[in-house]
C-alpha atoms as a PDB file:
ATOM      1  CA  MET A   1      83.802 -26.252 124.622  1.00  0.00           C
ATOM      2  CA  ARG A   2      84.227 -25.214 120.810  1.00  0.00           C
ATOM      3  CA  GLU A   3      81.707 -23.009 119.633  1.00  0.00           C
ATOM      4  CA  ALA A   4      79.842 -23.975 116.167  1.00  0.00           C
ATOM      5  CA  GLN A   5      79.867 -21.168 113.500  1.00  0.00           C
ATOM      6  CA  SER A   6      78.256 -21.450 110.077  1.00  0.00           C
ATOM      7  CA  PRO A   7      80.893 -20.536 106.991  1.00  0.00           C
ATOM      8  CA  GLY A   8      80.204 -17.711 105.205  1.00  0.00           C
ATOM      9  CA  PRO A   9      79.455 -16.921 101.389  1.00  0.00           C
ATOM     10  CA  SER A  10      81.264 -19.397  99.096  1.00  0.00           C
ATOM     11  CA  ARG A  11      84.581 -17.468  98.867  1.00  0.00           C
ATOM     12  CA  GLU A  12      87.048 -20.280  98.598  1.00  0.00           C
ATOM     13  CA  TRP A  13      89.019 -18.963  96.056  1.00  0.00           C
ATOM     14  CA  ASP A  14      88.499 -15.149  96.445  1.00  0.00           C
ATOM     15  CA  SER A  15      90.825 -15.340  99.526  1.00  0.00           C
ATOM     16  CA  VAL A  16      93.677 -16.665  97.391  1.00  0.00           C
ATOM     17  CA  SER A  17      95.670 -13.607  96.662  1.00  0.00           C
ATOM     18  CA  ILE A  18      99.090 -14.140  94.252  1.00  0.00           C
ATOM     19  CA  SER A  19     101.492 -11.280  94.688  1.00  0.00           C
ATOM     20  CA  PRO A  20     105.176 -11.250  93.299  1.00  0.00           C
ATOM     21  CA  GLU A  21     105.932  -8.090  95.262  1.00  0.00           C
ATOM     22  CA  ASP A  22     104.652  -9.612  98.836  1.00  0.00           C
ATOM     23  CA  PRO A  23     106.527 -13.288  98.819  1.00  0.00           C
ATOM     24  CA  GLY A  24     105.401 -13.917 102.415  1.00  0.00           C
ATOM     25  CA  PRO A  25     108.376 -14.407 104.528  1.00  0.00           C
ATOM     26  CA  LEU A  26     108.606 -17.342 106.981  1.00  0.00           C
ATOM     27  CA  CYS A  27     109.863 -16.036 110.218  1.00  0.00           C
ATOM     28  CA  ILE A  28     111.921 -19.282 110.356  1.00  0.00           C
ATOM     29  CA  GLY A  29     114.052 -17.950 107.388  1.00  0.00           C
ATOM     30  CA  ARG A  30     112.631 -19.184 104.396  1.00  0.00           C
ATOM     31  CA  PHE A  31     110.627 -17.701 101.537  1.00  0.00           C
ATOM     32  CA  LEU A  32     107.303 -19.176 100.152  1.00  0.00           C
ATOM     33  CA  SER A  33     106.758 -19.112  96.376  1.00  0.00           C
ATOM     34  CA  CYS A  34     103.588 -20.881  96.091  1.00  0.00           C
ATOM     35  CA  ALA A  35     100.382 -19.660  95.309  1.00  0.00           C
ATOM     36  CA  PHE A  36      98.354 -20.973  98.089  1.00  0.00           C
ATOM     37  CA  ARG A  37      99.934 -18.647 100.740  1.00  0.00           C
ATOM     38  CA  HIS A  38      96.479 -17.048 101.942  1.00  0.00           C
ATOM     39  CA  PRO A  39      94.228 -19.315 103.707  1.00  0.00           C
ATOM     40  CA  MET A  40      90.460 -19.907 101.997  1.00  0.00           C
ATOM     41  CA  ASP A  41      87.360 -19.514 104.283  1.00  0.00           C
ATOM     42  CA  ALA A  42      86.250 -23.187 103.651  1.00  0.00           C
ATOM     43  CA  MET A  43      85.953 -25.871 101.452  1.00  0.00           C
ATOM     44  CA  TYR A  44      83.107 -27.678  99.481  1.00  0.00           C
ATOM     45  CA  PRO A  45      81.516 -30.946 101.079  1.00  0.00           C
ATOM     46  CA  GLY A  46      82.906 -33.533  98.278  1.00  0.00           C
ATOM     47  CA  ILE A  47      86.732 -32.425  99.122  1.00  0.00           C
ATOM     48  CA  PHE A  48      85.784 -32.832 102.885  1.00  0.00           C
ATOM     49  CA  TYR A  49      84.425 -36.349 102.383  1.00  0.00           C
ATOM     50  CA  PHE A  50      87.374 -37.406 100.008  1.00  0.00           C
ATOM     51  CA  HIS A  51      90.161 -36.115 101.810  1.00  0.00           C
ATOM     52  CA  PHE A  52      89.398 -36.263 105.325  1.00  0.00           C
ATOM     53  CA  ARG A  53      87.861 -39.815 105.377  1.00  0.00           C
ATOM     54  CA  ASN A  54      90.286 -41.663 107.639  1.00  0.00           C
ATOM     55  CA  LEU A  55      91.392 -44.510 105.793  1.00  0.00           C
ATOM     56  CA  ARG A  56      94.357 -46.400 106.540  1.00  0.00           C
ATOM     57  CA  LYS A  57      95.121 -46.835 102.986  1.00  0.00           C
ATOM     58  CA  ALA A  58      93.820 -43.536 101.124  1.00  0.00           C
ATOM     59  CA  TYR A  59      95.136 -44.040  97.630  1.00  0.00           C
ATOM     60  CA  GLY A  60      94.951 -41.085  95.268  1.00  0.00           C
ATOM     61  CA  ARG A  61      94.688 -38.327  98.165  1.00  0.00           C
ATOM     62  CA  ASN A  62      97.868 -36.831  97.507  1.00  0.00           C
ATOM     63  CA  GLU A  63      97.175 -33.385  98.842  1.00  0.00           C
ATOM     64  CA  THR A  64      96.859 -32.288 102.336  1.00  0.00           C
ATOM     65  CA  TRP A  65      93.869 -30.226 103.570  1.00  0.00           C
ATOM     66  CA  LEU A  66      94.666 -28.432 106.824  1.00  0.00           C
ATOM     67  CA  CYS A  67      91.856 -26.233 108.853  1.00  0.00           C
ATOM     68  CA  PHE A  68      93.294 -24.001 111.407  1.00  0.00           C
ATOM     69  CA  THR A  69      92.104 -21.903 114.428  1.00  0.00           C
ATOM     70  CA  VAL A  70      94.259 -19.415 115.981  1.00  0.00           C
ATOM     71  CA  GLU A  71      93.270 -17.765 119.388  1.00  0.00           C
ATOM     72  CA  GLY A  72      95.193 -15.002 120.736  1.00  0.00           C
ATOM     73  CA  THR A  73      95.550 -13.827 123.832  1.00  0.00           C
ATOM     74  CA  LYS A  74      97.136 -10.659 125.656  1.00  0.00           C
ATOM     75  CA  HIS A  75      97.599 -10.769 129.525  1.00  0.00           C
ATOM     76  CA  ARG A  76      95.143 -13.655 129.648  1.00  0.00           C
ATOM     77  CA  SER A  77      92.117 -11.794 127.528  1.00  0.00           C
ATOM     78  CA  PRO A  78      90.986 -12.752 124.406  1.00  0.00           C
ATOM     79  CA  ALA A  79      92.810 -10.692 121.469  1.00  0.00           C
ATOM     80  CA  SER A  80      92.258 -11.952 118.194  1.00  0.00           C
ATOM     81  CA  TRP A  81      90.767 -15.195 116.729  1.00  0.00           C
ATOM     82  CA  LYS A  82      91.107 -16.729 113.173  1.00  0.00           C
ATOM     83  CA  SER A  83      90.147 -19.755 111.193  1.00  0.00           C
ATOM     84  CA  GLY A  84      90.451 -20.744 107.567  1.00  0.00           C
ATOM     85  CA  VAL A  85      91.819 -23.850 105.434  1.00  0.00           C
ATOM     86  CA  PHE A  86      95.096 -24.081 103.620  1.00  0.00           C
ATOM     87  CA  ARG A  87      95.784 -26.918 100.904  1.00  0.00           C
ATOM     88  CA  ASN A  88      99.079 -27.880  99.734  1.00  0.00           C
ATOM     89  CA  GLN A  89     100.498 -27.464  96.266  1.00  0.00           C
ATOM     90  CA  VAL A  90     101.482 -30.497  95.008  1.00  0.00           C
ATOM     91  CA  SER A  91     105.515 -29.964  94.740  1.00  0.00           C
ATOM     92  CA  PRO A  92     108.657 -31.668  95.870  1.00  0.00           C
ATOM     93  CA  ASP A  93     109.501 -28.444  97.792  1.00  0.00           C
ATOM     94  CA  PRO A  94     108.046 -28.739 101.580  1.00  0.00           C
ATOM     95  CA  SER A  95     107.605 -24.794 101.404  1.00  0.00           C
ATOM     96  CA  CYS A  96     104.806 -25.353  99.561  1.00  0.00           C
ATOM     97  CA  HIS A  97     102.890 -27.988 101.766  1.00  0.00           C
ATOM     98  CA  ALA A  98      99.919 -26.691 103.759  1.00  0.00           C
ATOM     99  CA  GLU A  99     101.860 -26.632 107.053  1.00  0.00           C
ATOM    100  CA  MET A 100     104.576 -24.132 105.681  1.00  0.00           C
ATOM    101  CA  CYS A 101     101.696 -22.211 104.051  1.00  0.00           C
ATOM    102  CA  PHE A 102     100.586 -21.845 107.641  1.00  0.00           C
ATOM    103  CA  LEU A 103     103.326 -20.804 109.157  1.00  0.00           C
ATOM    104  CA  SER A 104     104.158 -18.188 106.662  1.00  0.00           C
ATOM    105  CA  TRP A 105     100.835 -16.499 106.688  1.00  0.00           C
ATOM    106  CA  PHE A 106     100.610 -16.837 110.819  1.00  0.00           C
ATOM    107  CA  CYS A 107     104.388 -14.954 111.115  1.00  0.00           C
ATOM    108  CA  HIS A 108     103.164 -12.588 108.255  1.00  0.00           C
ATOM    109  CA  ASN A 109      99.883 -11.582 109.575  1.00  0.00           C
ATOM    110  CA  MET A 110      99.450 -12.684 113.277  1.00  0.00           C
ATOM    111  CA  LEU A 111     102.352 -13.734 115.437  1.00  0.00           C
ATOM    112  CA  SER A 112     103.625 -10.989 118.050  1.00  0.00           C
ATOM    113  CA  PRO A 113     106.145 -11.725 121.105  1.00  0.00           C
ATOM    114  CA  ASN A 114     103.315  -9.872 123.160  1.00  0.00           C
ATOM    115  CA  LYS A 115     100.761 -12.313 122.688  1.00  0.00           C
ATOM    116  CA  ASP A 116     100.090 -16.102 123.653  1.00  0.00           C
ATOM    117  CA  TYR A 117      98.594 -18.351 120.823  1.00  0.00           C
ATOM    118  CA  GLU A 118      96.471 -21.574 120.855  1.00  0.00           C
ATOM    119  CA  VAL A 119      96.625 -22.883 117.418  1.00  0.00           C
ATOM    120  CA  THR A 120      94.654 -26.242 116.422  1.00  0.00           C
ATOM    121  CA  TRP A 121      95.017 -27.757 113.264  1.00  0.00           C
ATOM    122  CA  TYR A 122      92.475 -30.543 111.719  1.00  0.00           C
ATOM    123  CA  ALA A 123      94.952 -31.973 108.747  1.00  0.00           C
ATOM    124  CA  SER A 124      93.751 -34.765 106.244  1.00  0.00           C
ATOM    125  CA  TRP A 125      97.532 -36.207 106.603  1.00  0.00           C
ATOM    126  CA  SER A 126      99.984 -35.966 109.692  1.00  0.00           C
ATOM    127  CA  PRO A 127     103.340 -34.002 108.214  1.00  0.00           C
ATOM    128  CA  CYS A 128     106.190 -35.027 106.578  1.00  0.00           C
ATOM    129  CA  PRO A 129     109.362 -35.057 108.187  1.00  0.00           C
ATOM    130  CA  GLU A 130     110.691 -31.833 106.577  1.00  0.00           C
ATOM    131  CA  CYS A 131     107.258 -30.105 107.724  1.00  0.00           C
ATOM    132  CA  ALA A 132     107.533 -31.537 111.106  1.00  0.00           C
ATOM    133  CA  GLY A 133     111.164 -30.514 111.488  1.00  0.00           C
ATOM    134  CA  GLN A 134     110.242 -27.060 110.642  1.00  0.00           C
ATOM    135  CA  VAL A 135     107.227 -26.759 112.687  1.00  0.00           C
ATOM    136  CA  ALA A 136     109.233 -28.160 115.804  1.00  0.00           C
ATOM    137  CA  GLU A 137     111.899 -25.405 115.346  1.00  0.00           C
ATOM    138  CA  PHE A 138     109.259 -22.763 114.915  1.00  0.00           C
ATOM    139  CA  LEU A 139     107.727 -24.005 118.298  1.00  0.00           C
ATOM    140  CA  ALA A 140     111.235 -24.264 120.127  1.00  0.00           C
ATOM    141  CA  ARG A 141     111.991 -20.503 119.063  1.00  0.00           C
ATOM    142  CA  HIS A 142     108.388 -19.433 119.878  1.00  0.00           C
ATOM    143  CA  ARG A 143     107.370 -20.562 123.308  1.00  0.00           C
ATOM    144  CA  ASN A 144     104.096 -18.181 123.311  1.00  0.00           C
ATOM    145  CA  VAL A 145     102.944 -20.761 120.543  1.00  0.00           C
ATOM    146  CA  ARG A 146     101.164 -23.747 121.716  1.00  0.00           C
ATOM    147  CA  LEU A 147     100.008 -26.385 118.972  1.00  0.00           C
ATOM    148  CA  THR A 148      97.498 -29.107 119.065  1.00  0.00           C
ATOM    149  CA  ILE A 149      97.566 -31.144 115.852  1.00  0.00           C
ATOM    150  CA  PHE A 150      94.259 -33.341 114.975  1.00  0.00           C
ATOM    151  CA  THR A 151      95.207 -35.502 112.021  1.00  0.00           C
ATOM    152  CA  ALA A 152      92.802 -37.577 110.152  1.00  0.00           C
ATOM    153  CA  ARG A 153      95.487 -40.144 108.861  1.00  0.00           C
ATOM    154  CA  LEU A 154      99.178 -40.981 109.314  1.00  0.00           C
ATOM    155  CA  TYR A 155     101.276 -40.288 106.424  1.00  0.00           C
ATOM    156  CA  TYR A 156     103.822 -42.993 106.012  1.00  0.00           C
ATOM    157  CA  PHE A 157     103.255 -44.397 109.428  1.00  0.00           C
ATOM    158  CA  TRP A 158     105.434 -47.515 109.160  1.00  0.00           C
ATOM    159  CA  ASN A 159     108.635 -45.190 108.003  1.00  0.00           C
ATOM    160  CA  PRO A 160     111.143 -44.358 110.640  1.00  0.00           C
ATOM    161  CA  GLY A 161     111.705 -40.908 109.295  1.00  0.00           C
ATOM    162  CA  PHE A 162     108.441 -39.964 109.484  1.00  0.00           C
ATOM    163  CA  GLN A 163     107.815 -41.427 112.883  1.00  0.00           C
ATOM    164  CA  GLN A 164     110.661 -39.095 114.243  1.00  0.00           C
ATOM    165  CA  GLY A 165     108.985 -36.129 112.717  1.00  0.00           C
ATOM    166  CA  LEU A 166     105.792 -36.928 115.167  1.00  0.00           C
ATOM    167  CA  ARG A 167     108.143 -37.592 118.081  1.00  0.00           C
ATOM    168  CA  ARG A 168     109.707 -34.117 117.237  1.00  0.00           C
ATOM    169  CA  LEU A 169     106.893 -32.386 117.398  1.00  0.00           C
ATOM    170  CA  SER A 170     105.659 -33.744 120.382  1.00  0.00           C
ATOM    171  CA  GLN A 171     109.039 -33.044 122.445  1.00  0.00           C
ATOM    172  CA  GLU A 172     108.450 -29.636 121.508  1.00  0.00           C
ATOM    173  CA  GLY A 173     105.426 -29.538 123.069  1.00  0.00           C
ATOM    174  CA  ALA A 174     103.076 -30.112 120.390  1.00  0.00           C
ATOM    175  CA  SER A 175     100.211 -32.311 121.091  1.00  0.00           C
ATOM    176  CA  VAL A 176      99.503 -34.943 118.213  1.00  0.00           C
ATOM    177  CA  LEU A 177      96.190 -36.359 117.911  1.00  0.00           C
ATOM    178  CA  ILE A 178      94.279 -38.561 115.788  1.00  0.00           C
ATOM    179  CA  MET A 179      90.664 -36.992 114.518  1.00  0.00           C
ATOM    180  CA  GLY A 180      87.603 -38.894 116.084  1.00  0.00           C
ATOM    181  CA  TYR A 181      83.776 -38.277 115.190  1.00  0.00           C
ATOM    182  CA  GLU A 182      83.712 -35.185 116.942  1.00  0.00           C
ATOM    183  CA  ASP A 183      86.464 -33.627 115.372  1.00  0.00           C
ATOM    184  CA  PHE A 184      85.295 -34.432 111.911  1.00  0.00           C
ATOM    185  CA  GLU A 185      81.487 -33.230 112.687  1.00  0.00           C
ATOM    186  CA  TYR A 186      83.160 -29.987 114.071  1.00  0.00           C
ATOM    187  CA  CYS A 187      85.212 -29.503 110.708  1.00  0.00           C
ATOM    188  CA  TRP A 188      82.056 -30.053 108.923  1.00  0.00           C
ATOM    189  CA  GLU A 189      80.398 -27.584 110.704  1.00  0.00           C
ATOM    190  CA  ILE A 190      83.293 -25.107 110.591  1.00  0.00           C
ATOM    191  CA  PHE A 191      85.291 -25.285 107.333  1.00  0.00           C
ATOM    192  CA  VAL A 192      82.639 -26.929 105.021  1.00  0.00           C
ATOM    193  CA  TYR A 193      80.100 -24.978 102.911  1.00  0.00           C
ATOM    194  CA  ASN A 194      77.421 -27.393 104.244  1.00  0.00           C
ATOM    195  CA  ASN A 195      74.384 -25.602 103.197  1.00  0.00           C
ATOM    196  CA  GLY A 196      72.888 -26.434 106.918  1.00  0.00           C
ATOM    197  CA  GLN A 197      73.412 -30.305 106.107  1.00  0.00           C
ATOM    198  CA  THR A 198      74.364 -32.168 108.903  1.00  0.00           C
ATOM    199  CA  PHE A 199      77.671 -34.208 108.892  1.00  0.00           C
ATOM    200  CA  LYS A 200      77.334 -38.091 107.885  1.00  0.00           C
ATOM    201  CA  PRO A 201      79.804 -40.355 109.111  1.00  0.00           C
ATOM    202  CA  TRP A 202      81.180 -43.168 107.029  1.00  0.00           C
ATOM    203  CA  LYS A 203      81.438 -46.580 107.582  1.00  0.00           C
ATOM    204  CA  ARG A 204      84.112 -47.810 110.285  1.00  0.00           C
ATOM    205  CA  LEU A 205      84.950 -44.234 110.986  1.00  0.00           C
ATOM    206  CA  GLN A 206      84.973 -44.607 114.635  1.00  0.00           C
ATOM    207  CA  ASP A 207      87.140 -48.275 114.433  1.00  0.00           C
ATOM    208  CA  ASN A 208      89.622 -46.373 112.093  1.00  0.00           C
ATOM    209  CA  SER A 209      90.185 -43.735 114.363  1.00  0.00           C
ATOM    210  CA  LEU A 210      90.771 -46.077 117.066  1.00  0.00           C
ATOM    211  CA  SER A 211      93.210 -48.457 115.202  1.00  0.00           C
ATOM    212  CA  LEU A 212      95.213 -45.189 114.130  1.00  0.00           C
ATOM    213  CA  ASP A 213      95.230 -43.802 117.621  1.00  0.00           C
ATOM    214  CA  ARG A 214      96.808 -47.403 118.682  1.00  0.00           C
ATOM    215  CA  THR A 215      99.396 -46.766 115.974  1.00  0.00           C
ATOM    216  CA  LEU A 216     100.143 -43.157 116.761  1.00  0.00           C
ATOM    217  CA  GLN A 217     100.363 -43.736 120.690  1.00  0.00           C
ATOM    218  CA  GLU A 218     103.019 -46.795 119.766  1.00  0.00           C
ATOM    219  CA  ILE A 219     105.220 -44.172 117.495  1.00  0.00           C
ATOM    220  CA  LEU A 220     105.306 -41.342 120.399  1.00  0.00           C
ATOM    221  CA  GLN A 221     105.592 -44.122 123.191  1.00  0.00           C
ATOM    222  CA  ARG A 222     108.902 -45.612 121.347  1.00  0.00           C
ATOM    223  CA  GLY A 223     110.844 -42.326 122.244  1.00  0.00           C
ATOM    224  CA  VAL A 224     109.697 -42.182 125.845  1.00  0.00           C
ATOM    225  CA  SER A 225     110.536 -45.970 126.610  1.00  0.00           C
ATOM    226  CA  LEU A 226     113.984 -46.004 124.969  1.00  0.00           C
ATOM    227  CA  GLY A 227     114.574 -42.729 127.117  1.00  0.00           C
ATOM    228  CA  LEU A 228     116.576 -41.312 123.992  1.00  0.00           C
ATOM    229  CA  PRO A 229     116.641 -37.756 122.523  1.00  0.00           C
ATOM    230  CA  VAL A 230     114.262 -37.826 119.487  1.00  0.00           C
ATOM    231  CA  TRP A 231     117.402 -37.233 117.198  1.00  0.00           C
ATOM    232  CA  LEU A 232     118.919 -40.540 118.166  1.00  0.00           C
ATOM    233  CA  LEU A 233     115.630 -42.461 117.249  1.00  0.00           C
END
C-alpha cells in the first residue's frame, strides 16, 4: 500500500540547479543540455489540475509533468527511497523531455548494479516514440530496474509510431497503465503543495479513465494478437 506523505515547504524551483560544469550524462550514452535536469519537490495545485486532467482532447497542454518514486533494495531489504517531479523543457530535442530528464538524474544519482529498483512514474502524457525507445533500451540494459508508468492521457494514440513506442516499452517489461481516481488522489497527496486540502475530482474523471484504458489495451494487445516483434508492427 502506498503511504501518503505531505510535501515539504514550497521549494519548487530551489531544487533546479543549472551547472555547465556538470552536464549530467545519461548512462545510455546521451548528454542532457536542458535546464530541468534535477527534480522538483512538488507542483502547485493549478498546475496539477490543468496538466493532469484526463481529457481525450487536451488542448494547450504542451508540457509533460512526470511524478516519480524510486525504491531501491539490496539483498531484498529497502536501501533507499526517493520521490520528486520533473517537467519537460519545450524543445524538439527529446533529451529535454521529462522522461530523459529522469533517466539522466537517476543514472547520475542512484543507479547501482548492486541494487534492485522499483520505479513508478505518474505522467500527464504518455511518452513520445523517441523517449519510449530510449527508455526501452535502458530497461533492456538494466534488468535490475522495474518500471511502472501510470499516464493521465495517451499522446497521439492514433499514430502508429506512438503506438509502437508503447508496445516496445511493454515488451521490455514496463507496465503501462492509465491513471484512475486513486492514482490522481495519490499524486495530489504526494506531489502537490496541497496545503492540507483534499483532492477534488473533475467531471467524467472515471469515464475518461475507462475509455483511455480500453484504447491502451487495444494498442498493447495488437502486438500480442499478431504475434510479431514490436519493430515489425
